[in-house]
Amino acid sequence: MLKGLAAQHTVVGVDYPGSGDTPRSTTPLSLDDLADQLVAAAVAEGLETFTLSGYSLGGPVAIRAGARHPERVTALVLTATFPHRDNRLSPALSVWRKLAETGDYELLAEYLTMMALGADAMEAMPAEQLQQAVGFTAASVADGTPEHAELAPRADVRDDLTRIKAPTLVISTTQDRFTSTRLHRQLADGIPGARLTEIHTGHLPMVERPEEWQKLITDFLTQHNA
């Protein structure tokens, strides 16, 4: 649920603690640390300025990075994300964390599949394909998921929103069971000049409508020469 950034033709992705080849953290994760790691990874690749793309829990990380390093961020794209937990997101995150801590990745995958897929996409899937999706999700659960799930309820970037100077696109996933359109609107309303656009998917627009999602982003970045 943590994603990286793109700049022109170079894409830099960061494996946060407990995902990819990065070891799990032995201390609670920090938004400030993750934001600085994200920027440092881009700079290490020779990128002095860049676009930040934040998806789901990666959204607060990207927002914090944009607020802490405004001189480096030329544009910001936020998809299916949130400025803080609301009363809908709070129990969803709590269940995610508790299931992750059990180590029962099959059960966790069933929950995540149910929550992440939009109603249209889920109902269009044959039963066999749906089970395959659950299996794929179970196999891809990061070891550091408990730490990610512990951070999510603490992530609150409401005070960072007015500090964002870069052109910002907020992509609202209208069938999202994790992050509501209400939270998406809060992002767009709080970031000066932000544009809000909708895509009729659940929490996984890159899976349900990848071409449409990509076009929203590329059109926005082309408009802003980012």
C-alpha atoms as a PDB file:
ATOM      1  CA  MET A   1       0.000   0.000   0.000  1.00  0.00           C
ATOM      2  CA  LEU A   2       3.002   2.234  -0.179  1.00  0.00           C
ATOM      3  CA  LYS A   3       4.050   3.445  -3.581  1.00  0.00           C
ATOM      4  CA  GLY A   4       6.746   5.654  -5.053  1.00  0.00           C
ATOM      5  CA  LEU A   5       7.162   8.402  -7.592  1.00  0.00           C
ATOM      6  CA  ALA A   6       7.779   9.184 -11.227  1.00  0.00           C
ATOM      7  CA  ALA A   7       9.763  11.887 -12.974  1.00  0.00           C
ATOM      8  CA  GLN A   8       9.650  12.351 -16.771  1.00  0.00           C
ATOM      9  CA  HIS A   9      10.861   9.023 -18.193  1.00  0.00           C
ATOM     10  CA  THR A  10      12.470   7.825 -14.973  1.00  0.00           C
ATOM     11  CA  VAL A  11      10.445   5.945 -12.387  1.00  0.00           C
ATOM     12  CA  VAL A  12      11.750   5.494  -8.878  1.00  0.00           C
ATOM     13  CA  GLY A  13       9.977   3.065  -6.554  1.00  0.00           C
ATOM     14  CA  VAL A  14      10.796   2.695  -2.891  1.00  0.00           C
ATOM     15  CA  ASP A  15      10.553  -0.539  -0.931  1.00  0.00           C
ATOM     16  CA  TYR A  16       9.605   0.584   2.526  1.00  0.00           C
ATOM     17  CA  PRO A  17      10.504  -1.473   5.605  1.00  0.00           C
ATOM     18  CA  GLY A  18       9.082  -4.965   5.387  1.00  0.00           C
ATOM     19  CA  SER A  19       8.381  -4.906   1.649  1.00  0.00           C
ATOM     20  CA  GLY A  20      10.471  -5.946  -1.307  1.00  0.00           C
ATOM     21  CA  ASP A  21      14.056  -6.566  -0.216  1.00  0.00           C
ATOM     22  CA  THR A  22      13.921  -4.075   2.654  1.00  0.00           C
ATOM     23  CA  PRO A  23      13.987  -5.644   6.134  1.00  0.00           C
ATOM     24  CA  ARG A  24      11.142  -5.057   8.557  1.00  0.00           C
ATOM     25  CA  SER A  25      11.491  -2.158  10.939  1.00  0.00           C
ATOM     26  CA  THR A  26      12.097  -2.876  14.599  1.00  0.00           C
ATOM     27  CA  THR A  27      10.530   0.457  15.597  1.00  0.00           C
ATOM     28  CA  PRO A  28       7.195   2.085  14.650  1.00  0.00           C
ATOM     29  CA  LEU A  29       7.204   3.636  11.204  1.00  0.00           C
ATOM     30  CA  SER A  30       7.249   7.419  10.862  1.00  0.00           C
ATOM     31  CA  LEU A  31       5.672   9.495   8.092  1.00  0.00           C
ATOM     32  CA  ASP A  32       8.559  11.946   8.260  1.00  0.00           C
ATOM     33  CA  ASP A  33      11.133   9.183   7.843  1.00  0.00           C
ATOM     34  CA  LEU A  34       9.259   7.533   4.974  1.00  0.00           C
ATOM     35  CA  ALA A  35       8.775  10.872   3.226  1.00  0.00           C
ATOM     36  CA  ASP A  36      12.464  11.699   3.516  1.00  0.00           C
ATOM     37  CA  GLN A  37      13.418   8.218   2.274  1.00  0.00           C
ATOM     38  CA  LEU A  38      11.172   8.710  -0.748  1.00  0.00           C
ATOM     39  CA  VAL A  39      12.825  12.000  -1.661  1.00  0.00           C
ATOM     40  CA  ALA A  40      16.319  10.684  -0.932  1.00  0.00           C
ATOM     41  CA  ALA A  41      15.742   7.737  -3.278  1.00  0.00           C
ATOM     42  CA  ALA A  42      14.847  10.088  -6.132  1.00  0.00           C
ATOM     43  CA  VAL A  43      17.805  12.367  -5.460  1.00  0.00           C
ATOM     44  CA  ALA A  44      20.113   9.362  -5.339  1.00  0.00           C
ATOM     45  CA  GLU A  45      18.942   8.513  -8.868  1.00  0.00           C
ATOM     46  CA  GLY A  46      19.986  11.986 -10.041  1.00  0.00           C
ATOM     47  CA  LEU A  47      16.536  13.592  -9.972  1.00  0.00           C
ATOM     48  CA  GLU A  48      16.642  17.078  -8.520  1.00  0.00           C
ATOM     49  CA  THR A  49      12.909  17.650  -9.083  1.00  0.00           C
ATOM     50  CA  PHE A  50      10.141  15.149  -9.705  1.00  0.00           C
ATOM     51  CA  THR A  51       6.455  14.275  -9.604  1.00  0.00           C
ATOM     52  CA  LEU A  52       5.221  12.392  -6.560  1.00  0.00           C
ATOM     53  CA  SER A  53       2.539   9.738  -6.889  1.00  0.00           C
ATOM     54  CA  GLY A  54       0.879   8.559  -3.695  1.00  0.00           C
ATOM     55  CA  TYR A  55      -1.555   5.658  -3.642  1.00  0.00           C
ATOM     56  CA  SER A  56      -3.502   4.541  -0.554  1.00  0.00           C
ATOM     57  CA  LEU A  57      -1.191   4.740   2.494  1.00  0.00           C
ATOM     58  CA  GLY A  58       1.427   6.136   0.135  1.00  0.00           C
ATOM     59  CA  GLY A  59      -0.749   9.251  -0.161  1.00  0.00           C
ATOM     60  CA  PRO A  60       0.026  10.654   3.290  1.00  0.00           C
ATOM     61  CA  VAL A  61       3.695   9.815   2.688  1.00  0.00           C
ATOM     62  CA  ALA A  62       3.679  11.740  -0.599  1.00  0.00           C
ATOM     63  CA  ILE A  63       1.826  14.670   0.967  1.00  0.00           C
ATOM     64  CA  ARG A  64       4.306  14.840   3.841  1.00  0.00           C
ATOM     65  CA  ALA A  65       7.178  14.706   1.340  1.00  0.00           C
ATOM     66  CA  GLY A  66       5.629  17.507  -0.683  1.00  0.00           C
ATOM     67  CA  ALA A  67       5.215  19.636   2.425  1.00  0.00           C
ATOM     68  CA  ARG A  68       8.750  18.962   3.698  1.00  0.00           C
ATOM     69  CA  HIS A  69      10.488  19.269   0.316  1.00  0.00           C
ATOM     70  CA  PRO A  70       8.415  21.724  -1.775  1.00  0.00           C
ATOM     71  CA  GLU A  71      11.454  22.801  -3.803  1.00  0.00           C
ATOM     72  CA  ARG A  72      11.747  19.310  -5.286  1.00  0.00           C
ATOM     73  CA  VAL A  73       8.122  18.419  -6.032  1.00  0.00           C
ATOM     74  CA  THR A  74       6.827  19.634  -9.403  1.00  0.00           C
ATOM     75  CA  ALA A  75       3.445  17.871  -9.230  1.00  0.00           C
ATOM     76  CA  LEU A  76       1.502  15.588  -6.932  1.00  0.00           C
ATOM     77  CA  VAL A  77      -0.888  12.777  -7.874  1.00  0.00           C
ATOM     78  CA  LEU A  78      -2.998  11.233  -5.109  1.00  0.00           C
ATOM     79  CA  THR A  79      -5.085   8.126  -5.754  1.00  0.00           C
ATOM     80  CA  ALA A  80      -7.527   6.361  -3.404  1.00  0.00           C
ATOM     81  CA  THR A  81      -5.968   7.990  -0.397  1.00  0.00           C
ATOM     82  CA  PHE A  82      -6.769  10.019   2.694  1.00  0.00           C
ATOM     83  CA  PRO A  83      -5.619  12.948   4.887  1.00  0.00           C
ATOM     84  CA  HIS A  84      -6.559  11.157   8.130  1.00  0.00           C
ATOM     85  CA  ARG A  85      -8.668   8.241   9.299  1.00  0.00           C
ATOM     86  CA  ASP A  86     -12.384   8.842   9.584  1.00  0.00           C
ATOM     87  CA  ASN A  87     -14.968   6.696  11.342  1.00  0.00           C
ATOM     88  CA  ARG A  88     -15.330   4.502   8.262  1.00  0.00           C
ATOM     89  CA  LEU A  89     -11.645   3.951   7.639  1.00  0.00           C
ATOM     90  CA  SER A  90     -10.771   3.378  11.298  1.00  0.00           C
ATOM     91  CA  PRO A  91     -12.400  -0.061  11.741  1.00  0.00           C
ATOM     92  CA  ALA A  92     -11.282  -1.139   8.268  1.00  0.00           C
ATOM     93  CA  LEU A  93      -7.674  -0.429   9.254  1.00  0.00           C
ATOM     94  CA  SER A  94      -8.138  -2.120  12.615  1.00  0.00           C
ATOM     95  CA  VAL A  95      -9.327  -5.358  10.997  1.00  0.00           C
ATOM     96  CA  TRP A  96      -6.491  -5.166   8.442  1.00  0.00           C
ATOM     97  CA  ARG A  97      -3.923  -4.914  11.223  1.00  0.00           C
ATOM     98  CA  LYS A  98      -5.422  -7.668  13.380  1.00  0.00           C
ATOM     99  CA  LEU A  99      -5.591 -10.079  10.459  1.00  0.00           C
ATOM    100  CA  ALA A 100      -2.027  -9.246   9.445  1.00  0.00           C
ATOM    101  CA  GLU A 101      -0.788  -9.953  12.952  1.00  0.00           C
ATOM    102  CA  THR A 102      -2.332 -13.443  12.925  1.00  0.00           C
ATOM    103  CA  GLY A 103      -0.090 -14.471  10.036  1.00  0.00           C
ATOM    104  CA  ASP A 104      -3.102 -16.036   8.291  1.00  0.00           C
ATOM    105  CA  TYR A 105      -2.439 -14.479   4.899  1.00  0.00           C
ATOM    106  CA  GLU A 106      -5.238 -16.439   3.202  1.00  0.00           C
ATOM    107  CA  LEU A 107      -7.815 -14.940   5.557  1.00  0.00           C
ATOM    108  CA  LEU A 108      -6.209 -11.511   5.225  1.00  0.00           C
ATOM    109  CA  ALA A 109      -6.328 -11.857   1.443  1.00  0.00           C
ATOM    110  CA  GLU A 110     -10.035 -12.680   1.505  1.00  0.00           C
ATOM    111  CA  TYR A 111     -10.669  -9.522   3.522  1.00  0.00           C
ATOM    112  CA  LEU A 112      -8.467  -7.336   1.330  1.00  0.00           C
ATOM    113  CA  THR A 113     -10.022  -8.664  -1.867  1.00  0.00           C
ATOM    114  CA  MET A 114     -13.511  -8.010  -0.548  1.00  0.00           C
ATOM    115  CA  MET A 115     -12.565  -4.486   0.540  1.00  0.00           C
ATOM    116  CA  ALA A 116     -10.330  -3.474  -2.340  1.00  0.00           C
ATOM    117  CA  LEU A 117     -12.327  -4.517  -5.390  1.00  0.00           C
ATOM    118  CA  GLY A 118     -15.172  -2.289  -6.477  1.00  0.00           C
ATOM    119  CA  ALA A 119     -18.658  -3.758  -6.689  1.00  0.00           C
ATOM    120  CA  ASP A 120     -18.689  -3.696 -10.487  1.00  0.00           C
ATOM    121  CA  ALA A 121     -15.346  -5.468 -10.832  1.00  0.00           C
ATOM    122  CA  MET A 122     -16.138  -8.055  -8.178  1.00  0.00           C
ATOM    123  CA  GLU A 123     -19.528  -8.964  -9.618  1.00  0.00           C
ATOM    124  CA  ALA A 124     -18.031  -9.281 -13.099  1.00  0.00           C
ATOM    125  CA  MET A 125     -15.562 -11.936 -11.927  1.00  0.00           C
ATOM    126  CA  PRO A 126     -16.346 -15.635 -12.259  1.00  0.00           C
ATOM    127  CA  ALA A 127     -15.923 -17.504  -8.976  1.00  0.00           C
ATOM    128  CA  GLU A 128     -12.706 -19.153 -10.170  1.00  0.00           C
ATOM    129  CA  GLN A 129     -11.140 -15.813 -11.101  1.00  0.00           C
ATOM    130  CA  LEU A 130     -12.140 -14.348  -7.753  1.00  0.00           C
ATOM    131  CA  GLN A 131     -10.396 -17.203  -5.954  1.00  0.00           C
ATOM    132  CA  GLN A 132      -7.332 -16.642  -8.093  1.00  0.00           C
ATOM    133  CA  ALA A 133      -7.364 -12.999  -7.040  1.00  0.00           C
ATOM    134  CA  VAL A 134      -7.461 -14.036  -3.396  1.00  0.00           C
ATOM    135  CA  GLY A 135      -4.542 -16.402  -3.951  1.00  0.00           C
ATOM    136  CA  PHE A 136      -2.500 -13.742  -5.701  1.00  0.00           C
ATOM    137  CA  THR A 137      -3.192 -11.284  -2.883  1.00  0.00           C
ATOM    138  CA  ALA A 138      -2.181 -13.821  -0.229  1.00  0.00           C
ATOM    139  CA  ALA A 139       1.093 -14.498  -2.037  1.00  0.00           C
ATOM    140  CA  SER A 140       1.909 -10.790  -2.305  1.00  0.00           C
ATOM    141  CA  VAL A 141       1.279  -9.740   1.300  1.00  0.00           C
ATOM    142  CA  ALA A 142       4.382  -7.905   2.518  1.00  0.00           C
ATOM    143  CA  ASP A 143       6.082  -9.149   5.674  1.00  0.00           C
ATOM    144  CA  GLY A 144       5.928  -5.632   7.056  1.00  0.00           C
ATOM    145  CA  THR A 145       2.158  -5.359   6.711  1.00  0.00           C
ATOM    146  CA  PRO A 146       1.613  -5.257  10.503  1.00  0.00           C
ATOM    147  CA  GLU A 147       3.881  -2.197  10.726  1.00  0.00           C
ATOM    148  CA  HIS A 148       2.174  -0.548   7.749  1.00  0.00           C
ATOM    149  CA  ALA A 149      -1.216  -1.235   9.325  1.00  0.00           C
ATOM    150  CA  GLU A 150       0.009   0.222  12.619  1.00  0.00           C
ATOM    151  CA  LEU A 151       1.112   3.430  10.890  1.00  0.00           C
ATOM    152  CA  ALA A 152      -2.092   3.965   8.900  1.00  0.00           C
ATOM    153  CA  PRO A 153      -4.340   5.013  11.813  1.00  0.00           C
ATOM    154  CA  ARG A 154      -1.654   7.441  12.991  1.00  0.00           C
ATOM    155  CA  ALA A 155      -1.232   9.066   9.582  1.00  0.00           C
ATOM    156  CA  ASP A 156      -2.691  12.564   9.729  1.00  0.00           C
ATOM    157  CA  VAL A 157      -1.586  15.140   7.151  1.00  0.00           C
ATOM    158  CA  ARG A 158      -4.401  17.647   7.468  1.00  0.00           C
ATOM    159  CA  ASP A 159      -1.965  20.330   8.619  1.00  0.00           C
ATOM    160  CA  ASP A 160       0.279  19.621   5.617  1.00  0.00           C
ATOM    161  CA  LEU A 161      -2.350  20.253   2.954  1.00  0.00           C
ATOM    162  CA  THR A 162      -2.063  24.048   2.798  1.00  0.00           C
ATOM    163  CA  ARG A 163       1.728  23.724   2.545  1.00  0.00           C
ATOM    164  CA  ILE A 164       1.538  21.882  -0.785  1.00  0.00           C
ATOM    165  CA  LYS A 165       2.693  24.233  -3.536  1.00  0.00           C
ATOM    166  CA  ALA A 166       2.794  21.836  -6.489  1.00  0.00           C
ATOM    167  CA  PRO A 167      -0.111  21.270  -8.890  1.00  0.00           C
ATOM    168  CA  THR A 168      -2.104  18.385  -7.453  1.00  0.00           C
ATOM    169  CA  LEU A 169      -4.485  15.822  -8.917  1.00  0.00           C
ATOM    170  CA  VAL A 170      -6.748  13.924  -6.532  1.00  0.00           C
ATOM    171  CA  ILE A 171      -8.221  10.785  -8.112  1.00  0.00           C
ATOM    172  CA  SER A 172     -11.364   9.758  -6.253  1.00  0.00           C
ATOM    173  CA  THR A 173     -12.269   6.068  -6.456  1.00  0.00           C
ATOM    174  CA  THR A 174     -16.056   6.181  -6.171  1.00  0.00           C
ATOM    175  CA  GLN A 175     -16.631   2.516  -5.184  1.00  0.00           C
ATOM    176  CA  ASP A 176     -13.866   2.474  -2.598  1.00  0.00           C
ATOM    177  CA  ARG A 177     -14.631   0.598   0.647  1.00  0.00           C
ATOM    178  CA  PHE A 178     -11.421   1.748   2.310  1.00  0.00           C
ATOM    179  CA  THR A 179     -11.117   5.458   1.534  1.00  0.00           C
ATOM    180  CA  SER A 180     -14.371   7.315   0.983  1.00  0.00           C
ATOM    181  CA  THR A 181     -15.113  10.022  -1.557  1.00  0.00           C
ATOM    182  CA  ARG A 182     -15.594  12.270   1.463  1.00  0.00           C
ATOM    183  CA  LEU A 183     -11.914  11.878   2.339  1.00  0.00           C
ATOM    184  CA  HIS A 184     -10.910  12.425  -1.281  1.00  0.00           C
ATOM    185  CA  ARG A 185     -12.854  15.697  -1.318  1.00  0.00           C
ATOM    186  CA  GLN A 186     -11.148  16.776   1.900  1.00  0.00           C
ATOM    187  CA  LEU A 187      -7.808  16.395   0.143  1.00  0.00           C
ATOM    188  CA  ALA A 188      -8.913  18.393  -2.875  1.00  0.00           C
ATOM    189  CA  ASP A 189     -10.502  21.093  -0.746  1.00  0.00           C
ATOM    190  CA  GLY A 190      -7.470  21.397   1.520  1.00  0.00           C
ATOM    191  CA  ILE A 191      -4.689  21.546  -1.092  1.00  0.00           C
ATOM    192  CA  PRO A 192      -4.590  24.944  -2.833  1.00  0.00           C
ATOM    193  CA  GLY A 193      -5.676  24.654  -6.460  1.00  0.00           C
ATOM    194  CA  ALA A 194      -6.016  20.869  -6.383  1.00  0.00           C
ATOM    195  CA  ARG A 195      -8.081  19.177  -9.091  1.00  0.00           C
ATOM    196  CA  LEU A 196     -10.525  16.418  -8.130  1.00  0.00           C
ATOM    197  CA  THR A 197     -11.487  13.798 -10.690  1.00  0.00           C
ATOM    198  CA  GLU A 198     -13.449  10.575 -10.314  1.00  0.00           C
ATOM    199  CA  ILE A 199     -12.882   7.060 -11.555  1.00  0.00           C
ATOM    200  CA  HIS A 200     -15.612   4.482 -11.007  1.00  0.00           C
ATOM    201  CA  THR A 201     -13.593   1.744  -9.359  1.00  0.00           C
ATOM    202  CA  GLY A 202     -12.865   0.376  -5.940  1.00  0.00           C
ATOM    203  CA  HIS A 203      -9.516   0.781  -4.202  1.00  0.00           C
ATOM    204  CA  LEU A 204      -7.597  -0.693  -7.154  1.00  0.00           C
ATOM    205  CA  PRO A 205      -8.066   1.538 -10.218  1.00  0.00           C
ATOM    206  CA  MET A 206      -4.771   0.297 -11.659  1.00  0.00           C
ATOM    207  CA  VAL A 207      -6.308  -3.193 -11.728  1.00  0.00           C
ATOM    208  CA  GLU A 208      -9.927  -2.424 -12.568  1.00  0.00           C
ATOM    209  CA  ARG A 209      -9.461   0.374 -15.133  1.00  0.00           C
ATOM    210  CA  PRO A 210      -5.707   0.690 -15.724  1.00  0.00           C
ATOM    211  CA  GLU A 211      -5.835   2.570 -19.025  1.00  0.00           C
ATOM    212  CA  GLU A 212      -8.357   5.107 -17.755  1.00  0.00           C
ATOM    213  CA  TRP A 213      -6.379   5.626 -14.563  1.00  0.00           C
ATOM    214  CA  GLN A 214      -3.115   6.062 -16.449  1.00  0.00           C
ATOM    215  CA  LYS A 215      -4.690   8.547 -18.871  1.00  0.00           C
ATOM    216  CA  LEU A 216      -5.961  10.706 -16.013  1.00  0.00           C
ATOM    217  CA  ILE A 217      -2.420  10.933 -14.714  1.00  0.00           C
ATOM    218  CA  THR A 218      -0.596  11.439 -18.005  1.00  0.00           C
ATOM    219  CA  ASP A 219      -3.071  14.095 -19.183  1.00  0.00           C
ATOM    220  CA  PHE A 220      -2.620  16.004 -15.920  1.00  0.00           C
ATOM    221  CA  LEU A 221       1.163  15.810 -16.026  1.00  0.00           C
ATOM    222  CA  THR A 222       1.243  16.837 -19.684  1.00  0.00           C
ATOM    223  CA  GLN A 223      -0.913  19.856 -18.901  1.00  0.00           C
ATOM    224  CA  HIS A 224       1.487  20.946 -16.190  1.00  0.00           C
ATOM    225  CA  ASN A 225       4.670  19.946 -18.057  1.00  0.00           C
ATOM    226  CA  ALA A 226       5.592  17.752 -15.102  1.00  0.00           C
END
